[in-house]
Each structure stands twice: as structure tokens, then as C-alpha cells.
Protein backbone atom coordinates (compact mmCIF):
# COMPACT_ATOMS: atom_id res chain seq x y z
CA MET A 1 3.18 59.61 57.37
CA ARG A 2 1.84 61.36 60.45
CA ARG A 3 -1.86 61.34 61.07
CA TRP A 4 -3.66 64.54 61.87
CA ASP A 5 -7.41 65.61 62.33
CA GLU A 6 -7.30 68.93 62.46
CA PRO A 7 -9.65 71.51 61.10
CA ILE A 8 -8.28 74.02 58.40
CA GLU A 9 -9.40 77.01 56.19
CA VAL A 10 -8.96 76.29 52.29
CA ARG A 11 -9.65 78.50 49.70
CA ARG A 12 -9.94 77.08 46.26
CA GLY A 13 -8.65 78.13 42.91
CA ILE A 14 -6.31 77.52 40.24
CA VAL A 15 -3.22 75.08 41.47
CA GLY A 16 -0.05 75.56 39.85
CA GLU A 17 -0.51 78.58 37.73
CA GLY A 18 2.72 80.59 36.91
CA LEU A 19 4.57 77.87 38.62
CA THR A 20 7.76 76.46 36.75
CA GLY A 21 8.36 72.74 37.07
CA VAL A 22 4.47 72.43 37.26
CA SER A 23 3.14 69.44 35.02
CA SER A 24 -0.52 70.47 34.95
CA VAL A 25 -2.64 73.36 36.07
CA VAL A 26 -6.27 72.26 37.82
CA GLU A 27 -8.76 73.70 39.78
CA GLY A 28 -8.69 72.47 43.70
CA PRO A 29 -7.56 73.77 46.70
CA SER A 30 -5.00 76.64 46.21
CA GLN A 31 -4.20 77.79 49.83
CA PHE A 32 -5.02 76.37 53.23
CA LEU A 33 -4.34 78.04 56.53
CA TRP A 34 -3.05 75.59 59.31
CA ARG A 35 -1.67 76.23 62.97
CA ASN A 36 -1.96 80.27 61.83
CA ARG A 37 0.36 79.69 58.97
CA LEU A 38 -0.67 80.16 55.31
CA TRP A 39 0.43 77.17 53.22
CA ARG A 40 0.22 77.66 49.17
CA VAL A 41 -0.49 74.49 47.34
CA LEU A 42 2.00 74.21 44.66
CA ASP A 43 1.09 70.84 43.02
CA VAL A 44 -2.06 67.94 43.36
CA GLN A 45 -0.54 64.45 43.45
CA SER A 46 -3.97 63.02 43.50
CA ARG A 47 -7.55 63.27 44.38
CA TRP A 48 -10.12 60.86 45.49
CA VAL A 49 -13.52 60.52 46.98
CA GLU A 50 -14.05 58.18 50.05
CA SER A 51 -17.30 56.96 51.01
CA GLY A 52 -18.59 56.74 54.85
CA PRO A 53 -18.78 53.84 56.60
CA TRP A 54 -21.82 52.39 55.14
CA TRP A 55 -21.50 49.01 56.52
CA ASN A 56 -22.16 50.64 59.91
CA SER A 57 -25.46 52.25 59.12
CA VAL A 58 -28.49 51.66 60.94
CA GLY A 59 -30.39 50.06 57.38
CA VAL A 60 -27.28 47.48 57.05
CA ARG A 61 -27.23 46.58 60.72
CA ALA A 62 -30.87 45.82 60.44
CA ALA A 63 -30.51 43.86 57.29
CA ARG A 64 -27.63 41.60 59.07
CA GLY A 65 -30.10 40.89 62.05
CA ASP A 66 -27.77 43.14 64.63
CA ALA A 67 -29.80 45.03 67.46
CA VAL A 68 -30.77 48.80 66.47
CA THR A 69 -31.65 50.82 69.26
CA ASP A 70 -33.47 54.14 69.41
CA ASP A 71 -30.21 55.93 69.93
CA ASP A 72 -28.91 54.52 66.60
CA SER A 73 -31.61 56.16 64.85
CA LEU A 74 -30.40 59.62 66.30
CA LEU A 75 -27.25 58.79 64.52
CA ALA A 76 -28.44 57.59 60.95
CA THR A 77 -27.46 59.89 58.27
CA ASP A 78 -27.60 59.30 54.37
CA ASP A 79 -24.67 57.42 53.55
CA LEU A 80 -23.85 59.79 50.59
CA LEU A 81 -23.47 62.69 53.22
CA CYS A 82 -20.52 60.92 54.68
CA GLU A 83 -18.61 60.92 51.70
CA GLN A 84 -15.36 63.09 51.67
CA GLU A 85 -13.23 64.38 48.80
CA VAL A 86 -9.40 63.61 49.45
CA TRP A 87 -6.52 65.64 47.85
CA ARG A 88 -3.02 64.57 48.29
CA VAL A 89 -0.84 68.10 47.52
CA GLU A 90 2.60 69.73 47.64
CA ALA A 91 2.59 72.69 49.58
CA ALA A 92 5.10 75.35 51.11
CA SER A 93 4.54 78.03 53.58
CA GLY A 94 6.66 81.33 52.93
CA GLN A 95 9.99 81.36 51.07
CA MET A 96 12.32 79.64 53.60
CA PHE A 97 10.31 76.69 54.36
CA SER A 98 10.71 73.47 52.53
CA ARG A 99 8.02 71.66 50.55
CA GLY A 100 5.58 69.23 52.14
CA VAL A 101 3.07 66.42 50.76
CA TYR A 102 -0.29 66.83 52.67
CA GLU A 103 -3.70 65.18 52.75
CA LEU A 104 -6.62 67.68 53.00
CA ALA A 105 -10.20 66.01 53.19
CA ASN A 106 -13.29 68.18 52.27
CA ALA A 107 -16.57 66.79 53.78
CA LEU A 108 -19.50 66.98 51.11
CA SER A 109 -21.84 66.97 53.70
CA ASP A 110 -21.10 70.65 54.95
CA GLY A 111 -17.99 71.40 53.20
CA SER A 112 -15.63 71.79 56.15
CA TRP A 113 -11.89 70.90 55.57
CA ARG A 114 -9.52 68.81 57.91
CA LEU A 115 -5.70 68.40 57.29
CA ARG A 116 -5.47 64.32 57.79
CA ALA A 117 -2.05 63.49 56.97
CA VAL A 118 1.52 65.24 56.52
CA ILE A 119 3.54 62.56 54.17
CA ASP A 120 7.26 62.58 55.45
């Protein structure tokens, strides 16, 4: 697995519609643009939601008795806003390129997308 942390653009839609060999049709990221190449999502392998690092929040650190500075209050956000929806998808770019498995993360706070990993 190769880790990445790069912004991508994602178009949501129906995944797997009209493709042979796809077991189910779901709504999710249907295409993404990465490094000026358009990738078509062929199948969704899994999907989950990850919470942010709540254990480092200002409130939890204060409850533990850790020192909380004024700078920390500038970084304070609601824990729920740090959640992200992660999609592990199989995708291909063009007809001549082989398929690959990619992890796409959608930050629920602002709707931005990032490519997190390419699974070899």
C-alpha cells in the first residue's frame, strides 16, 4: 500500500451501472480527477466513517489535567466536524490502463476530497 495525501476532485453518482461483473450498484464517488487524469470508479469495495482525533481535543486534554494554552483554543473544533467518510474503490483510467484500488476520503466538515492510498 502506498500512502498519499493529495487533493482530488470527485463526481458522485451511480457506481457499477452498466458494467459486467459488478455485483452491486451503489451511489458514491463515480469518477475522480487525480494528477490531471480522470479515473472511473468501477466498484466500491468498502466504505466507512472515521472520527477525528478526539483524544487530542482541548476538552479532553483539560479533563486529563494537561496544560491547555490560548493557542490551543484557536485550534479547537467540534469533534464531529473532524469526521471523514472513506471509500475504498476499484478504478481505472482509460481503456489501456489496468485497474487499481484507491482510498478516497471525504472531509464531512467542508466536503473536500483527498486520495489517501493506492493499494498494490
